[in-house]
Amino acid sequence: MRRKDPKNKKIVFYDTINRHTELKIRLQYDSISQANFFRAVVTGYIKKDPDILNFVDKIKASKKNGAPASKKQIKEGRALIKKGTDTTSRLGLGEIEIEDIFDILEQANPDL
């Protein structure tokens, strides 16, 4: 992935020195680069990977996330994801068609 490509966006957040150090140690132990790790997690989240979604549900239910989501809200969210997946499948929308839709939206709304 090229850094200077205007189609790429930089994702940045801050954390403590200790957590950063622990992350780097764990990533080195698992032989994963920081960039690959975060891209994989983001991809799993976007693609609705069940393992990532289970983890996200834990985050949503946690009190550390502000007001925790109820089990009902989490269940309703999962039902909406399933309905969306079923709809895209029923309409025959593959990854390429969905990307085309996003490209059209991006052209129509370049400020996004």
C-alpha atoms as a PDB file:
ATOM      1  CA  MET A   1       0.000   0.000   0.000  1.00  0.00           C
ATOM      2  CA  ARG A   2       1.466   3.342  -0.999  1.00  0.00           C
ATOM      3  CA  ARG A   3       1.414   6.117   1.563  1.00  0.00           C
ATOM      4  CA  LYS A   4       1.267   9.043  -0.877  1.00  0.00           C
ATOM      5  CA  ASP A   5      -1.651   7.685  -2.913  1.00  0.00           C
ATOM      6  CA  PRO A   6      -4.525  10.179  -2.454  1.00  0.00           C
ATOM      7  CA  LYS A   7      -6.959   7.266  -2.324  1.00  0.00           C
ATOM      8  CA  ASN A   8      -5.342   6.002   0.897  1.00  0.00           C
ATOM      9  CA  LYS A   9      -6.199   7.385   4.315  1.00  0.00           C
ATOM     10  CA  LYS A  10      -4.082   7.334   7.428  1.00  0.00           C
ATOM     11  CA  ILE A  11      -5.717   5.986  10.590  1.00  0.00           C
ATOM     12  CA  VAL A  12      -4.213   7.307  13.812  1.00  0.00           C
ATOM     13  CA  PHE A  13      -5.066   7.034  17.485  1.00  0.00           C
ATOM     14  CA  TYR A  14      -3.223   7.526  20.722  1.00  0.00           C
ATOM     15  CA  ASP A  15      -2.601   5.089  23.549  1.00  0.00           C
ATOM     16  CA  THR A  16      -0.238   4.735  26.477  1.00  0.00           C
ATOM     17  CA  ILE A  17       3.444   3.921  26.093  1.00  0.00           C
ATOM     18  CA  ASN A  18       2.950   0.695  28.062  1.00  0.00           C
ATOM     19  CA  ARG A  19       0.119  -0.564  25.851  1.00  0.00           C
ATOM     20  CA  HIS A  20       2.075   0.363  22.714  1.00  0.00           C
ATOM     21  CA  THR A  21       5.087  -1.563  23.994  1.00  0.00           C
ATOM     22  CA  GLU A  22       2.939  -4.583  24.885  1.00  0.00           C
ATOM     23  CA  LEU A  23       1.348  -4.480  21.439  1.00  0.00           C
ATOM     24  CA  LYS A  24       4.708  -4.342  19.683  1.00  0.00           C
ATOM     25  CA  ILE A  25       6.000  -7.273  21.768  1.00  0.00           C
ATOM     26  CA  ARG A  26       2.912  -9.401  21.039  1.00  0.00           C
ATOM     27  CA  LEU A  27       3.048  -8.562  17.322  1.00  0.00           C
ATOM     28  CA  GLN A  28       6.739  -9.428  17.178  1.00  0.00           C
ATOM     29  CA  TYR A  29       6.029 -12.709  18.983  1.00  0.00           C
ATOM     30  CA  ASP A  30       3.346 -13.540  16.397  1.00  0.00           C
ATOM     31  CA  SER A  31       5.500 -12.266  13.482  1.00  0.00           C
ATOM     32  CA  ILE A  32       2.848  -9.782  12.384  1.00  0.00           C
ATOM     33  CA  SER A  33       3.563  -6.183  11.410  1.00  0.00           C
ATOM     34  CA  GLN A  34       1.523  -3.477  13.089  1.00  0.00           C
ATOM     35  CA  ALA A  35       0.119  -2.364   9.721  1.00  0.00           C
ATOM     36  CA  ASN A  36      -0.896  -5.903   8.743  1.00  0.00           C
ATOM     37  CA  PHE A  37      -2.517  -6.466  12.133  1.00  0.00           C
ATOM     38  CA  PHE A  38      -4.668  -3.343  11.977  1.00  0.00           C
ATOM     39  CA  ARG A  39      -5.562  -3.867   8.308  1.00  0.00           C
ATOM     40  CA  ALA A  40      -6.648  -7.445   9.090  1.00  0.00           C
ATOM     41  CA  VAL A  41      -8.781  -6.337  12.038  1.00  0.00           C
ATOM     42  CA  VAL A  42     -10.384  -3.545   9.991  1.00  0.00           C
ATOM     43  CA  THR A  43     -11.010  -5.948   7.098  1.00  0.00           C
ATOM     44  CA  GLY A  44     -12.580  -8.487   9.449  1.00  0.00           C
ATOM     45  CA  TYR A  45     -14.825  -5.787  10.905  1.00  0.00           C
ATOM     46  CA  ILE A  46     -15.858  -4.456   7.495  1.00  0.00           C
ATOM     47  CA  LYS A  47     -16.425  -7.964   6.092  1.00  0.00           C
ATOM     48  CA  LYS A  48     -18.422  -8.893   9.215  1.00  0.00           C
ATOM     49  CA  ASP A  49     -16.122 -11.745  10.223  1.00  0.00           C
ATOM     50  CA  PRO A  50     -18.025 -13.664  12.938  1.00  0.00           C
ATOM     51  CA  ASP A  51     -14.982 -13.798  15.238  1.00  0.00           C
ATOM     52  CA  ILE A  52     -14.462 -10.049  15.030  1.00  0.00           C
ATOM     53  CA  LEU A  53     -18.189  -9.404  15.461  1.00  0.00           C
ATOM     54  CA  ASN A  54     -18.209 -11.545  18.616  1.00  0.00           C
ATOM     55  CA  PHE A  55     -15.394  -9.406  19.969  1.00  0.00           C
ATOM     56  CA  VAL A  56     -17.224  -6.207  18.959  1.00  0.00           C
ATOM     57  CA  ASP A  57     -20.316  -7.476  20.784  1.00  0.00           C
ATOM     58  CA  LYS A  58     -18.167  -7.853  23.913  1.00  0.00           C
ATOM     59  CA  ILE A  59     -16.998  -4.259  23.490  1.00  0.00           C
ATOM     60  CA  LYS A  60     -20.569  -3.047  23.004  1.00  0.00           C
ATOM     61  CA  ALA A  61     -21.735  -4.888  26.124  1.00  0.00           C
ATOM     62  CA  SER A  62     -18.821  -3.561  28.189  1.00  0.00           C
ATOM     63  CA  LYS A  63     -19.291  -0.700  30.624  1.00  0.00           C
ATOM     64  CA  LYS A  64     -15.934   0.662  29.400  1.00  0.00           C
ATOM     65  CA  ASN A  65     -17.664   1.656  26.176  1.00  0.00           C
ATOM     66  CA  GLY A  66     -19.852   4.291  27.855  1.00  0.00           C
ATOM     67  CA  ALA A  67     -23.438   3.135  28.096  1.00  0.00           C
ATOM     68  CA  PRO A  68     -23.332  -0.616  27.414  1.00  0.00           C
ATOM     69  CA  ALA A  69     -25.565  -2.071  24.731  1.00  0.00           C
ATOM     70  CA  SER A  70     -28.233  -4.433  25.947  1.00  0.00           C
ATOM     71  CA  LYS A  71     -28.359  -8.049  24.814  1.00  0.00           C
ATOM     72  CA  LYS A  72     -31.488  -7.102  22.876  1.00  0.00           C
ATOM     73  CA  GLN A  73     -29.661  -4.315  21.012  1.00  0.00           C
ATOM     74  CA  ILE A  74     -26.766  -6.623  20.199  1.00  0.00           C
ATOM     75  CA  LYS A  75     -29.158  -9.325  18.981  1.00  0.00           C
ATOM     76  CA  GLU A  76     -31.051  -6.794  16.838  1.00  0.00           C
ATOM     77  CA  GLY A  77     -27.769  -5.570  15.353  1.00  0.00           C
ATOM     78  CA  ARG A  78     -26.770  -9.115  14.464  1.00  0.00           C
ATOM     79  CA  ALA A  79     -30.195  -9.691  12.879  1.00  0.00           C
ATOM     80  CA  LEU A  80     -29.710  -6.575  10.714  1.00  0.00           C
ATOM     81  CA  ILE A  81     -26.289  -7.806   9.600  1.00  0.00           C
ATOM     82  CA  LYS A  82     -27.758 -11.194   8.679  1.00  0.00           C
ATOM     83  CA  LYS A  83     -30.608  -9.513   6.804  1.00  0.00           C
ATOM     84  CA  GLY A  84     -28.095  -7.374   4.872  1.00  0.00           C
ATOM     85  CA  THR A  85     -25.992 -10.419   4.011  1.00  0.00           C
ATOM     86  CA  ASP A  86     -29.095 -12.312   2.860  1.00  0.00           C
ATOM     87  CA  THR A  87     -30.224  -9.340   0.756  1.00  0.00           C
ATOM     88  CA  THR A  88     -26.862  -8.909  -0.980  1.00  0.00           C
ATOM     89  CA  SER A  89     -26.802 -12.639  -1.667  1.00  0.00           C
ATOM     90  CA  ARG A  90     -30.385 -12.653  -2.965  1.00  0.00           C
ATOM     91  CA  LEU A  91     -29.658  -9.675  -5.255  1.00  0.00           C
ATOM     92  CA  GLY A  92     -26.469 -11.305  -6.500  1.00  0.00           C
ATOM     93  CA  LEU A  93     -24.292  -8.456  -5.272  1.00  0.00           C
ATOM     94  CA  GLY A  94     -20.726  -9.599  -5.002  1.00  0.00           C
ATOM     95  CA  GLU A  95     -17.733  -7.707  -3.700  1.00  0.00           C
ATOM     96  CA  ILE A  96     -17.071  -6.109  -7.098  1.00  0.00           C
ATOM     97  CA  GLU A  97     -20.636  -4.835  -7.485  1.00  0.00           C
ATOM     98  CA  ILE A  98     -20.603  -3.420  -3.965  1.00  0.00           C
ATOM     99  CA  GLU A  99     -17.264  -1.685  -4.649  1.00  0.00           C
ATOM    100  CA  ASP A 100     -18.776  -0.238  -7.848  1.00  0.00           C
ATOM    101  CA  ILE A 101     -21.665   1.175  -5.814  1.00  0.00           C
ATOM    102  CA  PHE A 102     -19.225   2.788  -3.378  1.00  0.00           C
ATOM    103  CA  ASP A 103     -17.206   4.201  -6.300  1.00  0.00           C
ATOM    104  CA  ILE A 104     -20.367   5.778  -7.723  1.00  0.00           C
ATOM    105  CA  LEU A 105     -21.233   7.238  -4.314  1.00  0.00           C
ATOM    106  CA  GLU A 106     -17.677   8.581  -3.944  1.00  0.00           C
ATOM    107  CA  GLN A 107     -17.836  10.260  -7.363  1.00  0.00           C
ATOM    108  CA  ALA A 108     -21.184  11.822  -6.518  1.00  0.00           C
ATOM    109  CA  ASN A 109     -19.944  12.959  -3.083  1.00  0.00           C
ATOM    110  CA  PRO A 110     -16.196  13.710  -3.351  1.00  0.00           C
ATOM    111  CA  ASP A 111     -16.176  15.480   0.047  1.00  0.00           C
ATOM    112  CA  LEU A 112     -16.806  12.235   1.929  1.00  0.00           C
END
